[in-house]
Amino acid sequence: MTQPTTRPMTKEERRAYNQRQHAEERQAWLGGRGPQGTAELWWDQARSVARQRAAAGDELVWADLARTLTNFCERYSQ
């Protein structure tokens, strides 16, 4: 039986790995903070998705997020 060959991670793989590790640590920490921590997790995820989609050419993603936040603020600012 042969041993699996391991290779060093590429720069992109290492970055993705580190981002996943950080996200998991942050999720565990914020998850213990109740609804506020959960909201902060979703806010982080929303910005991440918006950045990725905008970089891929989605011209409406930031406007959609802004509209969602506007609706929330208007609802709870009264």
PDB file of N, CA and C in Angstrom:
ATOM      1  N   MET A   1       0.848  -1.175   0.000  1.00  0.00           N
ATOM      2  CA  MET A   1       0.000   0.000   0.000  1.00  0.00           C
ATOM      3  C   MET A   1       0.893   1.238   0.000  1.00  0.00           C
ATOM      4  N   THR A   2       0.556   2.215  -0.819  1.00  0.00           N
ATOM      5  CA  THR A   2       1.386   3.413  -0.904  1.00  0.00           C
ATOM      6  C   THR A   2       0.859   4.492   0.026  1.00  0.00           C
ATOM      7  N   GLN A   3       1.770   5.309   0.487  1.00  0.00           N
ATOM      8  CA  GLN A   3       1.421   6.445   1.346  1.00  0.00           C
ATOM      9  C   GLN A   3       0.902   7.582   0.467  1.00  0.00           C
ATOM     10  N   PRO A   4      -0.139   8.306   0.933  1.00  0.00           N
ATOM     11  CA  PRO A   4      -0.600   9.459   0.157  1.00  0.00           C
ATOM     12  C   PRO A   4       0.494  10.528   0.155  1.00  0.00           C
ATOM     13  N   THR A   5       0.648  11.171  -0.959  1.00  0.00           N
ATOM     14  CA  THR A   5       1.649  12.217  -1.079  1.00  0.00           C
ATOM     15  C   THR A   5       1.029  13.537  -0.649  1.00  0.00           C
ATOM     16  N   THR A   6       1.730  14.225   0.210  1.00  0.00           N
ATOM     17  CA  THR A   6       1.247  15.545   0.612  1.00  0.00           C
ATOM     18  C   THR A   6       2.114  16.595  -0.053  1.00  0.00           C
ATOM     19  N   ARG A   7       1.500  17.697  -0.344  1.00  0.00           N
ATOM     20  CA  ARG A   7       2.230  18.799  -0.951  1.00  0.00           C
ATOM     21  C   ARG A   7       1.907  20.063  -0.173  1.00  0.00           C
ATOM     22  N   PRO A   8       2.786  21.012  -0.208  1.00  0.00           N
ATOM     23  CA  PRO A   8       2.473  22.275   0.468  1.00  0.00           C
ATOM     24  C   PRO A   8       1.265  22.943  -0.186  1.00  0.00           C
ATOM     25  N   MET A   9       0.517  23.687   0.607  1.00  0.00           N
ATOM     26  CA  MET A   9      -0.634  24.409   0.066  1.00  0.00           C
ATOM     27  C   MET A   9      -0.145  25.578  -0.781  1.00  0.00           C
ATOM     28  N   THR A  10      -0.942  25.888  -1.785  1.00  0.00           N
ATOM     29  CA  THR A  10      -0.653  27.087  -2.558  1.00  0.00           C
ATOM     30  C   THR A  10      -1.038  28.294  -1.722  1.00  0.00           C
ATOM     31  N   LYS A  11      -0.638  29.449  -2.158  1.00  0.00           N
ATOM     32  CA  LYS A  11      -0.978  30.681  -1.442  1.00  0.00           C
ATOM     33  C   LYS A  11      -2.505  30.829  -1.313  1.00  0.00           C
ATOM     34  N   GLU A  12      -3.218  30.534  -2.381  1.00  0.00           N
ATOM     35  CA  GLU A  12      -4.681  30.651  -2.372  1.00  0.00           C
ATOM     36  C   GLU A  12      -5.315  29.629  -1.425  1.00  0.00           C
ATOM     37  N   GLU A  13      -4.793  28.401  -1.433  1.00  0.00           N
ATOM     38  CA  GLU A  13      -5.316  27.367  -0.538  1.00  0.00           C
ATOM     39  C   GLU A  13      -5.056  27.731   0.917  1.00  0.00           C
ATOM     40  N   ARG A  14      -3.877  28.244   1.200  1.00  0.00           N
ATOM     41  CA  ARG A  14      -3.530  28.636   2.566  1.00  0.00           C
ATOM     42  C   ARG A  14      -4.433  29.768   3.048  1.00  0.00           C
ATOM     43  N   ARG A  15      -4.670  30.726   2.165  1.00  0.00           N
ATOM     44  CA  ARG A  15      -5.547  31.851   2.511  1.00  0.00           C
ATOM     45  C   ARG A  15      -6.963  31.352   2.807  1.00  0.00           C
ATOM     46  N   ALA A  16      -7.479  30.475   1.941  1.00  0.00           N
ATOM     47  CA  ALA A  16      -8.820  29.924   2.146  1.00  0.00           C
ATOM     48  C   ALA A  16      -8.885  29.131   3.453  1.00  0.00           C
ATOM     49  N   TYR A  17      -7.843  28.351   3.723  1.00  0.00           N
ATOM     50  CA  TYR A  17      -7.790  27.583   4.971  1.00  0.00           C
ATOM     51  C   TYR A  17      -7.815  28.526   6.180  1.00  0.00           C
ATOM     52  N   ASN A  18      -6.989  29.543   6.153  1.00  0.00           N
ATOM     53  CA  ASN A  18      -6.943  30.495   7.265  1.00  0.00           C
ATOM     54  C   ASN A  18      -8.272  31.217   7.439  1.00  0.00           C
ATOM     55  N   GLN A  19      -8.914  31.568   6.335  1.00  0.00           N
ATOM     56  CA  GLN A  19     -10.214  32.234   6.426  1.00  0.00           C
ATOM     57  C   GLN A  19     -11.256  31.319   7.052  1.00  0.00           C
ATOM     58  N   ARG A  20     -11.244  30.034   6.677  1.00  0.00           N
ATOM     59  CA  ARG A  20     -12.190  29.079   7.272  1.00  0.00           C
ATOM     60  C   ARG A  20     -11.942  28.925   8.767  1.00  0.00           C
ATOM     61  N   GLN A  21     -10.664  28.813   9.142  1.00  0.00           N
ATOM     62  CA  GLN A  21     -10.322  28.684  10.566  1.00  0.00           C
ATOM     63  C   GLN A  21     -10.805  29.895  11.344  1.00  0.00           C
ATOM     64  N   HIS A  22     -10.538  31.086  10.819  1.00  0.00           N
ATOM     65  CA  HIS A  22     -10.947  32.316  11.488  1.00  0.00           C
ATOM     66  C   HIS A  22     -12.469  32.387  11.592  1.00  0.00           C
ATOM     67  N   ALA A  23     -13.157  32.020  10.518  1.00  0.00           N
ATOM     68  CA  ALA A  23     -14.621  32.059  10.521  1.00  0.00           C
ATOM     69  C   ALA A  23     -15.192  31.101  11.564  1.00  0.00           C
ATOM     70  N   GLU A  24     -14.612  29.915  11.671  1.00  0.00           N
ATOM     71  CA  GLU A  24     -15.085  28.948  12.659  1.00  0.00           C
ATOM     72  C   GLU A  24     -14.855  29.452  14.078  1.00  0.00           C
ATOM     73  N   GLU A  25     -13.698  30.038  14.329  1.00  0.00           N
ATOM     74  CA  GLU A  25     -13.407  30.585  15.662  1.00  0.00           C
ATOM     75  C   GLU A  25     -14.353  31.735  15.987  1.00  0.00           C
ATOM     76  N   ARG A  26     -14.553  32.616  15.012  1.00  0.00           N
ATOM     77  CA  ARG A  26     -15.442  33.760  15.223  1.00  0.00           C
ATOM     78  C   ARG A  26     -16.883  33.287  15.432  1.00  0.00           C
ATOM     79  N   GLN A  27     -17.297  32.273  14.674  1.00  0.00           N
ATOM     80  CA  GLN A  27     -18.651  31.746  14.819  1.00  0.00           C
ATOM     81  C   GLN A  27     -18.856  31.179  16.219  1.00  0.00           C
ATOM     82  N   ALA A  28     -17.876  30.441  16.709  1.00  0.00           N
ATOM     83  CA  ALA A  28     -17.990  29.868  18.052  1.00  0.00           C
ATOM     84  C   ALA A  28     -18.061  30.970  19.099  1.00  0.00           C
ATOM     85  N   TRP A  29     -17.234  31.989  18.944  1.00  0.00           N
ATOM     86  CA  TRP A  29     -17.211  33.083  19.924  1.00  0.00           C
ATOM     87  C   TRP A  29     -18.508  33.894  19.877  1.00  0.00           C
ATOM     88  N   LEU A  30     -18.928  34.282  18.672  1.00  0.00           N
ATOM     89  CA  LEU A  30     -20.138  35.095  18.552  1.00  0.00           C
ATOM     90  C   LEU A  30     -21.389  34.290  18.859  1.00  0.00           C
ATOM     91  N   GLY A  31     -21.368  33.001  18.556  1.00  0.00           N
ATOM     92  CA  GLY A  31     -22.532  32.173  18.831  1.00  0.00           C
ATOM     93  C   GLY A  31     -22.902  32.152  20.302  1.00  0.00           C
ATOM     94  N   GLY A  32     -21.922  32.323  21.157  1.00  0.00           N
ATOM     95  CA  GLY A  32     -22.173  32.362  22.585  1.00  0.00           C
ATOM     96  C   GLY A  32     -22.724  33.689  23.074  1.00  0.00           C
ATOM     97  N   ARG A  33     -22.863  34.643  22.188  1.00  0.00           N
ATOM     98  CA  ARG A  33     -23.349  35.967  22.562  1.00  0.00           C
ATOM     99  C   ARG A  33     -24.833  36.146  22.292  1.00  0.00           C
ATOM    100  N   GLY A  34     -25.508  35.082  21.935  1.00  0.00           N
ATOM    101  CA  GLY A  34     -26.953  35.158  21.732  1.00  0.00           C
ATOM    102  C   GLY A  34     -27.323  35.817  20.414  1.00  0.00           C
ATOM    103  N   PRO A  35     -28.519  36.429  20.376  1.00  0.00           N
ATOM    104  CA  PRO A  35     -29.020  37.018  19.131  1.00  0.00           C
ATOM    105  C   PRO A  35     -28.101  38.104  18.555  1.00  0.00           C
ATOM    106  N   GLN A  36     -27.455  38.878  19.413  1.00  0.00           N
ATOM    107  CA  GLN A  36     -26.552  39.905  18.901  1.00  0.00           C
ATOM    108  C   GLN A  36     -25.369  39.266  18.169  1.00  0.00           C
ATOM    109  N   GLY A  37     -24.818  38.217  18.729  1.00  0.00           N
ATOM    110  CA  GLY A  37     -23.726  37.510  18.071  1.00  0.00           C
ATOM    111  C   GLY A  37     -24.164  36.896  16.756  1.00  0.00           C
ATOM    112  N   THR A  38     -25.361  36.336  16.736  1.00  0.00           N
ATOM    113  CA  THR A  38     -25.891  35.757  15.505  1.00  0.00           C
ATOM    114  C   THR A  38     -26.058  36.827  14.436  1.00  0.00           C
ATOM    115  N   ALA A  39     -26.578  37.996  14.830  1.00  0.00           N
ATOM    116  CA  ALA A  39     -26.741  39.104  13.878  1.00  0.00           C
ATOM    117  C   ALA A  39     -25.381  39.547  13.336  1.00  0.00           C
ATOM    118  N   GLU A  40     -24.370  39.601  14.198  1.00  0.00           N
ATOM    119  CA  GLU A  40     -23.039  39.991  13.747  1.00  0.00           C
ATOM    120  C   GLU A  40     -22.475  38.974  12.770  1.00  0.00           C
ATOM    121  N   LEU A  41     -22.728  37.685  13.011  1.00  0.00           N
ATOM    122  CA  LEU A  41     -22.290  36.650  12.068  1.00  0.00           C
ATOM    123  C   LEU A  41     -22.941  36.845  10.701  1.00  0.00           C
ATOM    124  N   TRP A  42     -24.251  37.116  10.687  1.00  0.00           N
ATOM    125  CA  TRP A  42     -24.950  37.315   9.420  1.00  0.00           C
ATOM    126  C   TRP A  42     -24.475  38.580   8.721  1.00  0.00           C
ATOM    127  N   TRP A  43     -24.172  39.620   9.478  1.00  0.00           N
ATOM    128  CA  TRP A  43     -23.666  40.855   8.887  1.00  0.00           C
ATOM    129  C   TRP A  43     -22.324  40.580   8.208  1.00  0.00           C
ATOM    130  N   ASP A  44     -21.440  39.854   8.878  1.00  0.00           N
ATOM    131  CA  ASP A  44     -20.153  39.491   8.276  1.00  0.00           C
ATOM    132  C   ASP A  44     -20.362  38.682   6.997  1.00  0.00           C
ATOM    133  N   GLN A  45     -21.279  37.722   7.051  1.00  0.00           N
ATOM    134  CA  GLN A  45     -21.542  36.880   5.887  1.00  0.00           C
ATOM    135  C   GLN A  45     -22.134  37.699   4.746  1.00  0.00           C
ATOM    136  N   ALA A  46     -23.033  38.614   5.052  1.00  0.00           N
ATOM    137  CA  ALA A  46     -23.647  39.447   4.010  1.00  0.00           C
ATOM    138  C   ALA A  46     -22.593  40.282   3.292  1.00  0.00           C
ATOM    139  N   ARG A  47     -21.681  40.872   4.045  1.00  0.00           N
ATOM    140  CA  ARG A  47     -20.621  41.672   3.408  1.00  0.00           C
ATOM    141  C   ARG A  47     -19.708  40.796   2.561  1.00  0.00           C
ATOM    142  N   SER A  48     -19.396  39.612   3.055  1.00  0.00           N
ATOM    143  CA  SER A  48     -18.540  38.700   2.305  1.00  0.00           C
ATOM    144  C   SER A  48     -19.196  38.299   0.985  1.00  0.00           C
ATOM    145  N   VAL A  49     -20.458  37.937   1.047  1.00  0.00           N
ATOM    146  CA  VAL A  49     -21.189  37.552  -0.159  1.00  0.00           C
ATOM    147  C   VAL A  49     -21.267  38.736  -1.128  1.00  0.00           C
ATOM    148  N   ALA A  50     -21.542  39.922  -0.604  1.00  0.00           N
ATOM    149  CA  ALA A  50     -21.644  41.100  -1.470  1.00  0.00           C
ATOM    150  C   ALA A  50     -20.313  41.391  -2.164  1.00  0.00           C
ATOM    151  N   ARG A  51     -19.210  41.286  -1.431  1.00  0.00           N
ATOM    152  CA  ARG A  51     -17.893  41.519  -2.045  1.00  0.00           C
ATOM    153  C   ARG A  51     -17.625  40.503  -3.151  1.00  0.00           C
ATOM    154  N   GLN A  52     -17.913  39.235  -2.864  1.00  0.00           N
ATOM    155  CA  GLN A  52     -17.669  38.184  -3.858  1.00  0.00           C
ATOM    156  C   GLN A  52     -18.532  38.365  -5.096  1.00  0.00           C
ATOM    157  N   ARG A  53     -19.794  38.632  -4.878  1.00  0.00           N
ATOM    158  CA  ARG A  53     -20.707  38.797  -6.015  1.00  0.00           C
ATOM    159  C   ARG A  53     -20.368  40.038  -6.823  1.00  0.00           C
ATOM    160  N   ALA A  54     -20.002  41.130  -6.151  1.00  0.00           N
ATOM    161  CA  ALA A  54     -19.612  42.346  -6.860  1.00  0.00           C
ATOM    162  C   ALA A  54     -18.356  42.098  -7.696  1.00  0.00           C
ATOM    163  N   ALA A  55     -17.402  41.369  -7.141  1.00  0.00           N
ATOM    164  CA  ALA A  55     -16.177  41.056  -7.874  1.00  0.00           C
ATOM    165  C   ALA A  55     -16.466  40.190  -9.091  1.00  0.00           C
ATOM    166  N   ALA A  56     -17.542  39.397  -9.018  1.00  0.00           N
ATOM    167  CA  ALA A  56     -17.922  38.535 -10.139  1.00  0.00           C
ATOM    168  C   ALA A  56     -18.801  39.267 -11.155  1.00  0.00           C
ATOM    169  N   GLY A  57     -19.061  40.554 -10.901  1.00  0.00           N
ATOM    170  CA  GLY A  57     -19.816  41.339 -11.869  1.00  0.00           C
ATOM    171  C   GLY A  57     -21.256  41.613 -11.521  1.00  0.00           C
ATOM    172  N   ASP A  58     -21.715  41.208 -10.353  1.00  0.00           N
ATOM    173  CA  ASP A  58     -23.096  41.480  -9.945  1.00  0.00           C
ATOM    174  C   ASP A  58     -23.189  42.943  -9.524  1.00  0.00           C
ATOM    175  N   GLU A  59     -23.764  43.755 -10.378  1.00  0.00           N
ATOM    176  CA  GLU A  59     -23.811  45.191 -10.136  1.00  0.00           C
ATOM    177  C   GLU A  59     -24.883  45.597  -9.124  1.00  0.00           C
ATOM    178  N   LEU A  60     -25.801  44.717  -8.818  1.00  0.00           N
ATOM    179  CA  LEU A  60     -26.925  45.073  -7.952  1.00  0.00           C
ATOM    180  C   LEU A  60     -26.780  44.614  -6.511  1.00  0.00           C
ATOM    181  N   VAL A  61     -25.752  43.810  -6.230  1.00  0.00           N
ATOM    182  CA  VAL A  61     -25.668  43.176  -4.917  1.00  0.00           C
ATOM    183  C   VAL A  61     -25.561  44.195  -3.779  1.00  0.00           C
ATOM    184  N   TRP A  62     -24.725  45.218  -3.921  1.00  0.00           N
ATOM    185  CA  TRP A  62     -24.589  46.201  -2.836  1.00  0.00           C
ATOM    186  C   TRP A  62     -25.865  47.024  -2.696  1.00  0.00           C
ATOM    187  N   ALA A  63     -26.521  47.336  -3.807  1.00  0.00           N
ATOM    188  CA  ALA A  63     -27.779  48.083  -3.740  1.00  0.00           C
ATOM    189  C   ALA A  63     -28.847  47.264  -3.023  1.00  0.00           C
ATOM    190  N   ASP A  64     -28.873  45.959  -3.276  1.00  0.00           N
ATOM    191  CA  ASP A  64     -29.841  45.088  -2.611  1.00  0.00           C
ATOM    192  C   ASP A  64     -29.583  45.028  -1.109  1.00  0.00           C
ATOM    193  N   LEU A  65     -28.316  44.879  -0.725  1.00  0.00           N
ATOM    194  CA  LEU A  65     -27.990  44.861   0.706  1.00  0.00           C
ATOM    195  C   LEU A  65     -28.348  46.199   1.353  1.00  0.00           C
ATOM    196  N   ALA A  66     -28.047  47.292   0.676  1.00  0.00           N
ATOM    197  CA  ALA A  66     -28.380  48.618   1.210  1.00  0.00           C
ATOM    198  C   ALA A  66     -29.889  48.778   1.385  1.00  0.00           C
ATOM    199  N   ARG A  67     -30.656  48.283   0.414  1.00  0.00           N
ATOM    200  CA  ARG A  67     -32.125  48.363   0.498  1.00  0.00           C
ATOM    201  C   ARG A  67     -32.640  47.562   1.692  1.00  0.00           C
ATOM    202  N   THR A  68     -32.063  46.387   1.910  1.00  0.00           N
ATOM    203  CA  THR A  68     -32.455  45.541   3.040  1.00  0.00           C
ATOM    204  C   THR A  68     -32.167  46.254   4.360  1.00  0.00           C
ATOM    205  N   LEU A  69     -30.988  46.845   4.473  1.00  0.00           N
ATOM    206  CA  LEU A  69     -30.627  47.546   5.707  1.00  0.00           C
ATOM    207  C   LEU A  69     -31.459  48.804   5.910  1.00  0.00           C
ATOM    208  N   THR A  70     -31.773  49.479   4.838  1.00  0.00           N
ATOM    209  CA  THR A  70     -32.640  50.654   4.920  1.00  0.00           C
ATOM    210  C   THR A  70     -34.000  50.262   5.471  1.00  0.00           C
ATOM    211  N   ASN A  71     -34.569  49.188   4.939  1.00  0.00           N
ATOM    212  CA  ASN A  71     -35.879  48.724   5.419  1.00  0.00           C
ATOM    213  C   ASN A  71     -35.822  48.377   6.900  1.00  0.00           C
ATOM    214  N   PHE A  72     -34.776  47.700   7.317  1.00  0.00           N
ATOM    215  CA  PHE A  72     -34.632  47.342   8.725  1.00  0.00           C
ATOM    216  C   PHE A  72     -34.564  48.600   9.598  1.00  0.00           C
ATOM    217  N   CYS A  73     -33.713  49.521   9.219  1.00  0.00           N
ATOM    218  CA  CYS A  73     -33.547  50.746  10.018  1.00  0.00           C
ATOM    219  C   CYS A  73     -34.833  51.558  10.085  1.00  0.00           C
ATOM    220  N   GLU A  74     -35.516  51.657   8.972  1.00  0.00           N
ATOM    221  CA  GLU A  74     -36.783  52.396   8.963  1.00  0.00           C
ATOM    222  C   GLU A  74     -37.819  51.733   9.857  1.00  0.00           C
ATOM    223  N   ARG A  75     -37.869  50.406   9.835  1.00  0.00           N
ATOM    224  CA  ARG A  75     -38.831  49.670  10.648  1.00  0.00           C
ATOM    225  C   ARG A  75     -38.579  49.876  12.146  1.00  0.00           C
ATOM    226  N   TYR A  76     -37.305  49.839  12.563  1.00  0.00           N
ATOM    227  CA  TYR A  76     -36.994  49.857  13.985  1.00  0.00           C
ATOM    228  C   TYR A  76     -36.605  51.233  14.505  1.00  0.00           C
ATOM    229  N   SER A  77     -36.558  52.235  13.668  1.00  0.00           N
ATOM    230  CA  SER A  77     -36.209  53.581  14.116  1.00  0.00           C
ATOM    231  C   SER A  77     -37.439  54.387  14.507  1.00  0.00           C
ATOM    232  N   GLN A  78     -38.617  53.861  14.300  1.00  0.00           N
ATOM    233  CA  GLN A  78     -39.839  54.604  14.584  1.00  0.00           C
ATOM    234  C   GLN A  78     -40.215  54.539  16.034  1.00  0.00           C
TER     235      GLN A  78
END
